[in-house]
Protein backbone atom coordinates (compact mmCIF):
# COMPACT_ATOMS: atom_id res chain seq x y z
CA MET A 1 -22.37 14.14 23.21
CA GLY A 2 -18.71 15.03 22.60
CA LYS A 3 -17.25 15.67 19.21
CA ARG A 4 -15.95 12.53 17.53
CA GLN A 5 -12.17 12.41 17.55
CA LEU A 6 -10.63 12.29 14.10
CA PRO A 7 -8.61 9.15 13.32
CA GLU A 8 -4.84 9.45 13.08
CA TRP A 9 -4.83 8.86 9.32
CA HIS A 10 -7.03 11.93 8.87
CA LYS A 11 -4.32 14.13 10.37
CA ASP A 12 -1.68 12.82 8.00
CA LEU A 13 -4.01 13.16 5.03
CA LYS A 14 -4.45 16.81 5.92
CA ARG A 15 -0.69 17.20 6.22
CA CYS A 16 -0.22 15.68 2.77
CA THR A 17 -2.50 18.31 1.23
CA ARG A 18 0.13 20.87 2.26
CA LEU A 19 3.15 18.83 1.23
CA TYR A 20 2.17 17.60 -2.23
CA GLU A 21 1.02 19.83 -5.04
CA GLY A 22 -2.41 18.97 -6.41
CA PHE A 23 -3.33 16.51 -3.68
CA ALA A 24 -5.86 18.88 -2.09
CA ASP A 25 -8.23 18.25 -5.01
CA ALA A 26 -8.06 14.48 -4.54
CA ALA A 27 -8.11 14.51 -0.73
CA PRO A 28 -11.94 14.51 -0.34
CA PHE A 29 -12.15 11.38 -2.50
CA PHE A 30 -9.54 9.50 -0.49
CA THR A 31 -11.08 10.71 2.77
CA ALA A 32 -14.42 9.23 1.72
CA MET A 33 -12.78 5.91 0.84
CA TYR A 34 -10.87 5.68 4.11
CA GLU A 35 -14.01 6.49 6.07
CA CYS A 36 -15.89 3.84 4.12
CA VAL A 37 -13.39 1.16 5.09
CA GLN A 38 -13.26 2.30 8.71
CA THR A 39 -17.05 2.22 9.00
CA PHE A 40 -17.19 -1.21 7.37
CA PHE A 41 -14.86 -2.83 9.90
CA GLU A 42 -16.45 -1.06 12.86
CA SER A 43 -19.60 -3.04 12.17
CA ARG A 44 -17.86 -6.24 11.05
CA PRO A 45 -14.85 -7.35 13.11
CA VAL A 46 -12.58 -9.83 11.33
CA ASN A 47 -11.30 -13.10 12.69
CA PRO A 48 -7.59 -13.19 13.49
CA GLY A 49 -5.30 -14.98 11.08
CA PRO A 50 -3.63 -18.33 11.76
CA PRO A 51 -1.70 -18.53 15.05
CA VAL A 52 2.03 -17.93 14.79
CA ASN A 53 4.59 -19.75 16.92
CA LEU A 54 6.87 -16.86 17.83
CA GLU A 55 9.86 -19.07 18.62
CA GLU A 56 9.66 -20.76 15.24
CA ALA A 57 9.00 -17.40 13.60
CA GLU A 58 12.18 -15.91 15.08
CA ASP A 59 14.19 -18.89 13.85
CA SER A 60 12.79 -18.28 10.36
CA LEU A 61 13.69 -14.61 10.46
CA ARG A 62 17.24 -15.37 11.60
CA SER A 63 17.64 -17.67 8.61
CA GLY A 64 16.29 -15.00 6.23
CA THR A 65 13.03 -16.86 5.57
CA SER A 66 9.75 -14.94 5.54
CA LEU A 67 6.71 -16.52 7.19
CA GLN A 68 4.86 -15.99 3.87
CA LEU A 69 1.41 -15.74 5.47
CA ASP A 70 -1.23 -15.74 2.74
CA LEU A 71 -4.69 -15.44 4.26
CA GLN A 72 -7.74 -17.29 3.05
CA LEU A 73 -10.45 -14.69 3.49
CA ASP A 74 -14.20 -15.13 3.71
CA THR A 75 -15.47 -14.43 0.20
CA GLN A 76 -18.63 -12.70 1.35
CA ASP A 77 -16.66 -10.34 3.61
CA VAL A 78 -14.37 -9.31 0.75
CA VAL A 79 -17.24 -8.90 -1.69
CA ASP A 80 -19.22 -6.81 0.79
CA LEU A 81 -16.25 -4.49 1.28
CA LEU A 82 -15.76 -4.12 -2.47
CA GLN A 83 -19.47 -3.38 -2.85
CA SER A 84 -19.28 -0.72 -0.13
CA MET A 85 -16.26 0.83 -1.83
CA SER A 86 -18.07 0.86 -5.17
CA VAL A 87 -20.94 2.88 -3.68
CA VAL A 88 -18.52 5.47 -2.31
CA LEU A 89 -16.66 5.60 -5.63
CA ALA A 90 -19.86 6.59 -7.41
CA GLU A 91 -20.89 9.08 -4.73
CA ALA A 92 -17.48 10.74 -4.43
CA ASN A 93 -16.97 11.08 -8.17
CA PRO A 94 -19.95 10.97 -10.59
CA ASP A 95 -17.56 10.10 -13.42
CA LEU A 96 -16.93 6.77 -11.68
CA LYS A 97 -20.54 5.59 -11.65
CA GLY A 98 -19.94 3.37 -14.66
CA PRO A 99 -16.69 1.80 -13.35
CA ALA A 100 -18.29 1.39 -9.91
CA GLY A 101 -21.13 -0.60 -11.45
CA VAL A 102 -18.67 -2.85 -13.24
CA LEU A 103 -16.82 -3.45 -9.97
CA ARG A 104 -20.08 -4.61 -8.36
CA GLU A 105 -20.67 -7.05 -11.21
CA TYR A 106 -17.14 -8.43 -11.05
CA ALA A 107 -17.30 -8.73 -7.26
CA GLU A 108 -20.48 -10.78 -7.46
CA GLN A 109 -18.67 -13.15 -9.79
CA LEU A 110 -16.19 -13.86 -7.00
CA ILE A 111 -18.97 -15.51 -5.02
CA MET A 112 -19.87 -17.67 -8.01
CA ASP A 113 -16.26 -18.72 -8.55
CA SER A 114 -15.20 -19.12 -4.90
CA PRO A 115 -18.27 -19.14 -2.61
CA GLU A 116 -16.38 -19.73 0.65
CA ARG A 117 -12.75 -18.55 0.66
CA ILE A 118 -10.52 -16.41 -1.55
CA CYS A 119 -6.97 -15.09 -1.35
CA LYS A 120 -5.42 -11.77 -2.37
CA GLN A 121 -4.54 -13.12 -5.82
CA ASN A 122 -8.24 -13.57 -6.61
CA VAL A 123 -8.86 -9.88 -5.93
CA ARG A 124 -5.76 -8.85 -7.88
CA ASP A 125 -6.97 -10.90 -10.85
CA LEU A 126 -10.33 -9.11 -10.59
CA CYS A 127 -8.68 -5.67 -10.67
CA ASP A 128 -6.41 -6.73 -13.55
CA ARG A 129 -9.52 -7.70 -15.50
CA LEU A 130 -11.06 -4.29 -14.86
CA VAL A 131 -8.02 -2.68 -16.46
CA ALA A 132 -7.64 -5.19 -19.29
CA ASP A 133 -11.30 -4.83 -20.26
CA GLY A 134 -10.88 -1.05 -20.45
CA ASP A 135 -13.36 -0.27 -17.68
CA TRP A 136 -10.81 1.09 -15.17
CA GLU A 137 -7.63 3.13 -15.11
CA GLN A 138 -4.62 1.33 -13.67
CA ASP A 139 -4.12 3.68 -10.72
CA LEU A 140 -7.73 3.29 -9.54
CA ALA A 141 -7.58 -0.50 -9.81
CA THR A 142 -4.33 -0.63 -7.85
CA PHE A 143 -5.78 1.68 -5.21
CA VAL A 144 -8.90 -0.45 -4.69
CA TYR A 145 -6.89 -3.68 -4.66
CA THR A 146 -4.29 -2.48 -2.16
CA MET A 147 -6.78 -0.73 0.10
CA ALA A 148 -9.17 -3.68 0.24
CA MET A 149 -6.48 -6.30 0.85
CA SER A 150 -4.39 -4.28 3.28
CA SER A 151 -7.53 -3.53 5.31
CA PHE A 152 -8.05 -7.23 5.91
CA TYR A 153 -4.40 -8.19 6.36
CA LYS A 154 -3.61 -5.42 8.84
CA ARG A 155 -6.54 -6.43 11.01
CA CYS A 156 -6.16 -10.20 10.72
CA LEU A 157 -2.40 -10.14 11.35
CA GLN A 158 -2.36 -7.39 13.96
CA GLN A 159 -1.25 -9.66 16.80
CA PRO A 160 1.68 -11.46 15.10
CA ALA A 161 2.78 -8.21 13.45
CA ALA A 162 3.02 -6.52 16.85
CA ALA A 163 4.89 -9.45 18.42
CA LEU A 164 7.29 -10.16 15.56
CA GLN A 165 10.93 -9.30 16.30
CA THR A 166 11.67 -7.50 13.05
CA GLY A 167 15.10 -6.48 14.37
CA LEU A 168 16.16 -9.98 13.33
CA TRP A 169 15.20 -9.28 9.70
CA THR A 170 17.57 -7.84 7.11
CA GLU A 171 15.89 -8.76 3.81
CA GLY A 172 14.07 -6.47 1.40
CA HIS A 173 10.69 -8.21 1.47
CA CYS A 174 8.17 -8.46 4.31
CA PRO A 175 9.10 -10.93 7.06
CA LEU A 176 5.44 -11.66 7.80
CA CYS A 177 3.68 -12.01 4.43
CA GLY A 178 6.54 -11.87 1.91
CA GLU A 179 5.31 -8.92 -0.15
CA LYS A 180 7.84 -6.40 -1.47
CA PRO A 181 7.46 -2.85 -0.15
CA HIS A 182 6.54 0.14 -2.26
CA THR A 183 7.29 2.76 0.35
CA GLY A 184 9.29 3.40 3.48
CA VAL A 185 10.42 6.16 5.82
CA LEU A 186 13.64 7.82 6.89
CA ARG A 187 12.90 8.02 10.60
CA ALA A 188 12.95 11.47 12.13
CA ASP A 189 14.84 10.45 15.27
CA ASP A 190 17.79 8.52 13.80
CA GLY A 191 17.51 8.74 9.99
CA ALA A 192 17.26 4.95 9.65
CA LYS A 193 15.52 3.60 6.55
CA GLU A 194 12.41 1.75 7.66
CA LEU A 195 10.51 -0.16 5.00
CA GLU A 196 6.80 -0.86 5.40
CA CYS A 197 4.81 -3.65 3.84
CA TRP A 198 1.94 -2.24 1.78
CA LEU A 199 -0.16 -5.34 2.54
CA CYS A 200 0.12 -6.14 6.26
CA GLY A 201 1.79 -2.96 7.53
CA THR A 202 4.84 -4.70 9.05
CA LYS A 203 7.82 -2.37 9.44
CA TRP A 204 11.51 -3.23 9.53
CA VAL A 205 14.82 -1.42 9.30
CA HIS A 206 16.80 -1.94 6.10
CA THR A 207 20.33 -0.88 5.22
CA ARG A 208 20.14 2.60 3.67
CA ILE A 209 22.74 1.96 0.97
CA LYS A 210 21.21 -1.25 -0.34
CA CYS A 211 18.55 -2.09 -2.92
CA PRO A 212 15.71 -3.97 -1.21
CA TYR A 213 14.86 -5.79 -4.42
CA CYS A 214 18.14 -7.16 -5.76
CA GLY A 215 20.39 -6.63 -2.73
CA ASN A 216 22.85 -4.43 -4.64
CA GLU A 217 25.12 -2.46 -2.28
CA GLU A 218 27.33 -0.75 -4.88
CA GLN A 219 26.95 2.92 -4.06
CA GLU A 220 27.60 4.07 -7.62
CA ASP A 221 24.56 2.06 -8.79
CA LEU A 222 22.20 3.45 -6.16
CA GLY A 223 20.64 6.89 -6.00
CA TYR A 224 17.50 8.90 -5.46
CA PHE A 225 15.71 11.91 -6.85
CA THR A 226 12.86 14.14 -5.73
CA VAL A 227 10.22 16.19 -7.49
CA GLU A 228 10.81 19.93 -7.26
CA GLY A 229 8.84 21.47 -4.43
CA GLN A 230 7.90 18.05 -3.03
CA GLU A 231 11.18 16.89 -1.52
CA THR A 232 9.50 15.07 1.37
CA CYS A 233 9.24 12.03 -0.89
CA ARG A 234 12.38 10.50 -2.38
CA VAL A 235 12.45 8.01 -5.23
CA ASN A 236 15.19 5.50 -4.41
CA PHE A 237 16.39 3.66 -7.50
CA CYS A 238 18.87 0.95 -8.44
CA GLN A 239 20.74 1.05 -11.74
CA LYS A 240 21.45 -2.68 -11.53
CA CYS A 241 17.89 -4.04 -11.41
CA HIS A 242 16.21 -0.80 -12.63
CA GLN A 243 13.61 -0.85 -9.86
CA TYR A 244 12.50 1.86 -7.46
CA CYS A 245 10.74 2.45 -4.15
CA LYS A 246 9.53 5.65 -2.53
CA ILE A 247 10.96 6.82 0.78
CA ILE A 248 9.30 9.50 2.91
CA ASP A 249 11.86 11.68 4.67
CA GLY A 250 10.43 11.87 8.17
CA ARG A 251 13.08 14.40 9.14
CA LYS A 252 11.29 16.95 6.95
CA LEU A 253 7.85 16.43 8.46
CA LYS A 254 6.47 18.96 10.90
CA GLY A 255 3.97 18.27 13.63
CA GLY A 256 5.18 14.78 14.51
CA GLY A 257 2.65 11.98 14.83
CA GLN A 258 2.42 8.73 12.92
CA VAL A 259 3.51 8.69 9.30
CA PHE A 260 0.95 6.86 7.14
CA VAL A 261 3.06 5.91 4.16
CA ASP A 262 0.05 4.68 2.19
CA ILE A 263 -1.39 8.20 2.26
CA HIS A 264 1.97 9.73 1.30
CA ASN A 265 2.10 7.21 -1.52
CA LEU A 266 -1.27 8.36 -2.89
CA ALA A 267 -0.23 12.00 -2.57
CA SER A 268 3.02 11.41 -4.47
CA LEU A 269 1.92 9.43 -7.53
CA SER A 270 3.67 12.06 -9.63
CA HIS A 271 6.90 10.56 -8.29
CA ASP A 272 5.87 7.14 -9.63
CA LEU A 273 5.29 8.68 -13.05
CA ALA A 274 8.70 10.38 -12.95
CA ALA A 275 10.34 7.08 -11.99
CA ARG A 276 8.65 5.22 -14.85
CA GLN A 277 9.64 7.95 -17.29
CA GLU A 278 13.24 7.50 -16.16
CA GLY A 279 13.04 3.82 -17.02
CA PHE A 280 12.53 2.34 -13.54
CA THR A 281 9.82 -0.15 -12.59
CA PRO A 282 8.19 -0.51 -9.16
CA GLY A 283 9.99 -3.18 -7.14
CA SER A 284 6.73 -3.85 -5.30
CA GLY A 285 5.06 -4.95 -8.53
CA LEU A 286 2.27 -2.43 -7.88
CA GLN A 287 1.48 -0.43 -11.00
CA TRP A 288 0.39 3.12 -10.14
CA VAL A 289 0.86 4.72 -13.57
CA ASN A 290 -1.75 4.69 -16.33
CA ALA A 291 -0.76 3.58 -19.82
CA GLU A 292 -1.79 6.87 -21.41
CA GLU A 293 0.45 8.76 -18.98
CA MET A 294 3.43 6.73 -20.13
CA ALA A 295 2.46 7.36 -23.75
CA CYS A 296 2.80 11.11 -23.09
CA ARG A 297 6.43 10.71 -22.12
């Protein structure tokens, strides 16, 4: 039997251990979580999302209107994934056994509250409760929420995402599901700024000198900074709306291959902390910084 080929994300995770200081220590944990999700969906294929009329979709994009697809997911499927993730949390980090147990309890409550279908807001509310009740740190809750939901959305919306003509789209939010991006890439071949939806994975080109959140195009109000020694990731900020997003400079990456911005995001959480300490908030609405970290400012 031949050796199992490593998934593409594994290669980029390894690359990030070289690019971002301190990420090597966390890499085994994230590897275990990614493998958990991959194994889960190998044994449980998901049903595709609602059909999309491509002609009508293109008309919407031309008018600047997102399709705003919000999936109604099978509650048991979501709960089973959260339960699988909780097991890996406890195994990968013994300090997380307590929080993992709480996650299992909260996940079971989802079935009681919504036995058939739930949406992403239900899971976000669950993770917000974990933080509010003091059982979880904010960064862990955001990680579990985004990983669980994006895993379903990327698979359910794979077909319309591939067929969507994103060249028609010029807005700062996702043309398919409407979420605001947290990360993007400066493409290696042409330097274009390509934003990527954290939820469904849709990619689209956006004007480089323009805030994706408020639309500001005044160059004197826009800027970016990097963290010393980790210049692959830029923090783009807007002085008008005081929001930020992270952009991975693909021109600095060696080895080619696909850029998994979600992995680069996890490897560069120090950039999120620096942005918050400078007074900027995440335009995506995703909170990756713990309260005690902000208190140490």
